Structure formats: structure tokens, C-alpha cells
Amino acid sequence: MEKCIIGKKIGMTQLFDENGNIVPVTVVEAGPCVVVQRKTTENDGYEAVQIGFGAISDKKLTKAQKGHFAKADVAAKRVLREFRLAQIALSVGDIIKADTFAPGDKVDVCGTSKGKGYAGTIKRWHNHRLKETHGSGPVHRHAGSNGACSSPSRVFKGKRLPGHMGADRVTVQNLDVVKVDAENNLIAIRGAIPGPKNGIVYITDSVKA
């Protein structure tokens, strides 16, 4: 990982390439981000850079948070995130903008997926249902058997059952950067990325490209 930025998902739209083909893209308001802290092997045991994104009122900060930003001599930020970069050429106070990435770059986008609440096995795990006629009863959407009887006398971990769906950390890899608008801090990424509109996402150069 060599490049990183924090952004806010704006929504989806479409662009046209040089051949006139429609390209579905997600628009992200990426940065400007400021370097708040530099982690070093001598002080922290590892190399990393902490960057902040989004303005926030000082009234909403704890005393420890106020001291953290005051030490770096930067304005308070709503979102803080550490990135372990292969080569760190950034110092505290440096600004990271959308033009860190260029059209054609491969990126990984990490975000929090939309929460769906409590869901059954058909919606959550795509289970099949029973027929709804001839005595299937009120259990045609139930999960079915939980396992064997006396052996092993328990339900295996990982059994696909009803439960909370969504609101998970999700990373989509190897997406293409289609367009970068440095003036308005916008990045258009081909395809869909995790999360709702206005959700926070973390963009890094792809680790598998």
C-alpha cells in the first residue's frame, strides 16, 4: 500500500468512455485529508500515518481529542484513520487531495455496508423455502434442520441462521478510477462500493493489482 485517502460516498451515476460506452461509476468526495500523526518504529513499534477527514466542532471533542489535534497543530477532524504505507513520505500537517489518484489506477475501497436489521435465512443466506401448499404449515421460510441428533449434540459454529444482517466492514478490491476532479475533490470509481450515501469510505491503491 502506497497511497490512501478518506472520502464520503456521494452516490452513483454514469459516464461515457471514448468509444461512447456507458460506464457506471460511484462518486466519492475524497479529501482533503490532513496528516494528524506519524507513527514510527522507535516510538510506537511500527510505521504508519494517521490522517483525518471532515470538519467537526470543538464542542463535540473530548479533552484528550482536543490535545491530540493541538499537538499536531491541525484543525479538528471528524474521522481519523491509520494507514500502514510501504513508503511514508508524509509529515504531520501535510494535505492529501483527490489528485493522489489518477484515472486508470486500481484501488481497494473499504466501507461499512448498509444495515438490514434482523433477517431470516432466505434473505440473509439465500436459502430455499418449502412449498406453500399441501401442509407445509407455518414453517415454509424457516431455517430447517440445525444438525444431527445425539452426535455431536450441538450446533456447529458458522451454521447459517437468522440474525443481524449488514452493517459489516466490507472491502471491494481492484476497482478502476475512471475520473478525478481535483478542483472539487471528487473521484469517480467504476462500479459499486460499500455503504449508503454520505457513508465514510477508505480508498487505497490495490494490494492485488
Protein backbone atom coordinates (compact mmCIF):
# COMPACT_ATOMS: atom_id res chain seq x y z
CA MET A 1 0.00 0.00 0.00
CA GLU A 2 1.48 3.31 -1.11
CA LYS A 3 -1.45 5.73 -1.45
CA CYS A 4 -4.50 6.36 0.72
CA ILE A 5 -7.33 8.81 1.27
CA ILE A 6 -10.57 9.04 3.24
CA GLY A 7 -13.77 10.05 1.47
CA LYS A 8 -17.54 10.30 1.61
CA LYS A 9 -19.75 8.36 -0.78
CA ILE A 10 -21.91 10.79 -2.78
CA GLY A 11 -23.85 8.36 -4.96
CA MET A 12 -23.85 6.60 -8.32
CA THR A 13 -24.08 7.97 -11.83
CA GLN A 14 -22.75 7.12 -15.29
CA LEU A 15 -20.03 8.41 -17.57
CA PHE A 16 -19.18 7.72 -21.21
CA ASP A 17 -15.80 6.46 -22.38
CA GLU A 18 -14.04 7.46 -25.60
CA ASN A 19 -15.99 4.78 -27.51
CA GLY A 20 -19.35 6.06 -26.28
CA ASN A 21 -19.92 3.14 -23.90
CA ILE A 22 -21.73 3.77 -20.63
CA VAL A 23 -19.55 3.32 -17.53
CA PRO A 24 -21.39 3.05 -14.18
CA VAL A 25 -19.43 4.93 -11.51
CA THR A 26 -19.65 5.81 -7.84
CA VAL A 27 -18.71 9.38 -6.99
CA VAL A 28 -16.68 9.89 -3.81
CA GLU A 29 -15.83 13.19 -2.17
CA ALA A 30 -12.22 12.31 -1.39
CA GLY A 31 -10.36 14.62 0.97
CA PRO A 32 -8.82 16.98 1.52
CA CYS A 33 -7.28 14.95 4.33
CA VAL A 34 -4.61 16.15 6.73
CA VAL A 35 -1.85 14.11 8.36
CA VAL A 36 -2.54 14.25 12.11
CA GLN A 37 0.09 11.83 13.42
CA ARG A 38 3.12 9.90 12.22
CA LYS A 39 3.76 6.55 13.90
CA THR A 40 7.38 5.41 13.99
CA THR A 41 9.13 2.20 14.91
CA GLU A 42 11.13 3.96 17.63
CA ASN A 43 8.10 5.35 19.44
CA ASP A 44 5.25 3.02 18.50
CA GLY A 45 6.85 -0.19 17.26
CA TYR A 46 5.56 0.16 13.70
CA GLU A 47 5.40 2.61 10.81
CA ALA A 48 2.06 4.22 9.97
CA VAL A 49 0.42 7.53 9.21
CA GLN A 50 -2.82 8.80 10.77
CA ILE A 51 -4.96 11.08 8.62
CA GLY A 52 -8.13 13.00 9.37
CA PHE A 53 -11.15 13.90 7.24
CA GLY A 54 -14.21 16.10 7.72
CA ALA A 55 -14.67 19.15 9.91
CA ILE A 56 -16.14 18.92 13.40
CA SER A 57 -16.89 21.47 16.11
CA ASP A 58 -14.55 21.61 19.09
CA LYS A 59 -17.63 21.37 21.32
CA LYS A 60 -18.04 17.75 20.29
CA LEU A 61 -14.49 16.71 21.20
CA THR A 62 -13.19 15.28 24.45
CA LYS A 63 -10.29 16.94 26.21
CA ALA A 64 -7.96 14.16 25.02
CA GLN A 65 -9.05 14.67 21.41
CA LYS A 66 -8.53 18.42 21.65
CA GLY A 67 -5.00 17.81 22.93
CA HIS A 68 -4.31 15.35 20.12
CA PHE A 69 -5.19 17.89 17.42
CA ALA A 70 -3.48 20.75 19.28
CA LYS A 71 -0.24 18.76 19.43
CA ALA A 72 -0.33 18.31 15.63
CA ASP A 73 -1.39 21.96 15.19
CA VAL A 74 -4.21 20.98 12.80
CA ALA A 75 -7.94 21.66 12.77
CA ALA A 76 -10.18 19.07 14.42
CA LYS A 77 -11.35 16.27 12.13
CA ARG A 78 -14.43 14.08 12.38
CA VAL A 79 -12.81 10.87 11.08
CA LEU A 80 -9.34 9.57 11.99
CA ARG A 81 -7.78 6.52 10.39
CA GLU A 82 -4.34 4.90 10.35
CA PHE A 83 -2.74 3.52 7.21
CA ARG A 84 0.42 1.42 7.06
CA LEU A 85 2.13 2.58 3.90
CA ALA A 86 5.09 0.85 2.26
CA GLN A 87 6.97 4.14 1.95
CA ILE A 88 5.94 7.07 4.11
CA ALA A 89 6.95 10.42 2.64
CA LEU A 90 4.33 12.37 4.60
CA SER A 91 4.79 14.63 7.60
CA VAL A 92 2.33 15.96 10.17
CA GLY A 93 0.29 18.75 8.63
CA ASP A 94 0.62 17.56 5.02
CA ILE A 95 -2.56 17.66 2.92
CA ILE A 96 -3.72 14.67 0.86
CA LYS A 97 -6.04 15.57 -2.01
CA ALA A 98 -8.02 13.66 -4.61
CA ASP A 99 -5.26 14.06 -7.20
CA THR A 100 -3.27 11.49 -5.21
CA PHE A 101 -5.02 9.04 -7.55
CA ALA A 102 -5.22 9.26 -11.32
CA PRO A 103 -7.57 7.79 -13.94
CA GLY A 104 -6.62 4.19 -14.64
CA ASP A 105 -5.40 3.45 -11.10
CA LYS A 106 -6.56 0.24 -9.41
CA VAL A 107 -7.94 0.83 -5.91
CA ASP A 108 -9.45 -1.04 -2.98
CA VAL A 109 -12.44 0.63 -1.29
CA CYS A 110 -13.38 -0.21 2.29
CA GLY A 111 -16.61 0.87 3.96
CA THR A 112 -19.49 -0.21 6.21
CA SER A 113 -22.30 -1.96 4.35
CA LYS A 114 -25.92 -0.92 4.72
CA GLY A 115 -27.62 -2.34 7.81
CA LYS A 116 -30.65 -4.54 7.05
CA GLY A 117 -31.69 -5.29 10.63
CA TYR A 118 -32.85 -8.75 11.74
CA ALA A 119 -33.26 -11.00 8.70
CA GLY A 120 -34.29 -14.59 8.11
CA THR A 121 -32.24 -17.22 6.35
CA ILE A 122 -33.84 -16.67 2.93
CA LYS A 123 -32.85 -13.01 2.79
CA ARG A 124 -29.60 -13.38 4.74
CA TRP A 125 -28.19 -16.60 3.27
CA HIS A 126 -30.38 -17.19 0.16
CA ASN A 127 -31.87 -20.41 1.49
CA HIS A 128 -34.68 -22.10 -0.44
CA ARG A 129 -38.17 -22.23 1.03
CA LEU A 130 -40.60 -25.15 1.18
CA LYS A 131 -43.70 -25.26 -0.98
CA GLU A 132 -46.51 -23.12 0.36
CA THR A 133 -49.29 -25.68 -0.23
CA HIS A 134 -50.37 -29.14 0.97
CA GLY A 135 -49.48 -28.91 4.61
CA SER A 136 -46.11 -27.22 4.65
CA GLY A 137 -47.54 -25.26 7.56
CA PRO A 138 -46.12 -22.11 9.07
CA VAL A 139 -42.51 -23.23 8.64
CA HIS A 140 -42.02 -22.82 4.89
CA ARG A 141 -39.49 -19.99 5.44
CA HIS A 142 -37.71 -21.48 8.47
CA ALA A 143 -34.04 -22.44 8.53
CA GLY A 144 -34.65 -26.18 8.58
CA SER A 145 -32.53 -28.74 10.43
CA ASN A 146 -29.80 -27.43 12.73
CA GLY A 147 -27.76 -30.62 12.55
CA ALA A 148 -27.64 -34.21 13.75
CA CYS A 149 -29.20 -35.63 16.92
CA SER A 150 -27.05 -37.26 19.63
CA SER A 151 -23.81 -36.79 17.75
CA PRO A 152 -22.40 -34.15 18.03
CA SER A 153 -25.27 -32.97 20.27
CA ARG A 154 -24.63 -29.34 19.40
CA VAL A 155 -24.98 -26.84 16.58
CA PHE A 156 -21.77 -26.29 14.64
CA LYS A 157 -20.28 -22.82 14.63
CA GLY A 158 -20.99 -20.99 11.41
CA LYS A 159 -24.43 -22.54 10.94
CA ARG A 160 -26.41 -20.21 8.69
CA LEU A 161 -29.26 -18.98 10.87
CA PRO A 162 -31.39 -15.83 11.14
CA GLY A 163 -29.75 -12.79 12.68
CA HIS A 164 -28.49 -9.27 12.17
CA MET A 165 -27.72 -8.59 8.53
CA GLY A 166 -25.46 -5.90 7.12
CA ALA A 167 -23.58 -3.11 8.92
CA ASP A 168 -20.35 -5.06 8.34
CA ARG A 169 -16.92 -3.87 7.25
CA VAL A 170 -16.66 -4.67 3.54
CA THR A 171 -13.75 -4.23 1.12
CA VAL A 172 -14.19 -4.27 -2.65
CA GLN A 173 -10.91 -4.86 -4.47
CA ASN A 174 -9.44 -3.97 -7.86
CA LEU A 175 -11.80 -1.17 -8.86
CA ASP A 176 -10.82 1.27 -11.61
CA VAL A 177 -10.52 5.01 -11.10
CA VAL A 178 -12.40 6.47 -14.08
CA LYS A 179 -12.11 10.20 -13.44
CA VAL A 180 -10.54 12.57 -10.90
CA ASP A 181 -11.80 16.12 -10.33
CA ALA A 182 -9.07 17.66 -8.19
CA GLU A 183 -10.73 21.06 -8.10
CA ASN A 184 -13.89 19.69 -6.44
CA ASN A 185 -12.16 16.82 -4.59
CA LEU A 186 -14.15 14.14 -6.42
CA ILE A 187 -13.13 10.67 -7.57
CA ALA A 188 -15.31 8.57 -9.89
CA ILE A 189 -14.77 4.85 -9.31
CA ARG A 190 -16.11 2.21 -11.69
CA GLY A 191 -18.85 0.04 -10.17
CA ALA A 192 -20.44 -0.04 -6.74
CA ILE A 193 -18.75 0.46 -3.37
CA PRO A 194 -19.98 -0.46 0.13
CA GLY A 195 -22.24 1.69 2.25
CA PRO A 196 -25.08 4.21 1.96
CA LYS A 197 -24.91 7.73 0.58
CA ASN A 198 -22.78 10.00 2.78
CA GLY A 199 -21.08 6.92 4.24
CA ILE A 200 -17.36 7.11 5.03
CA VAL A 201 -15.08 5.05 2.79
CA TYR A 202 -11.32 4.42 2.77
CA ILE A 203 -9.57 4.31 -0.61
CA THR A 204 -6.13 2.75 -1.05
CA ASP A 205 -4.15 1.53 -4.02
CA SER A 206 -4.94 -2.09 -4.75
CA VAL A 207 -2.88 -4.74 -2.98
CA LYS A 208 -3.58 -7.35 -5.70
CA ALA A 209 -3.29 -5.29 -8.85
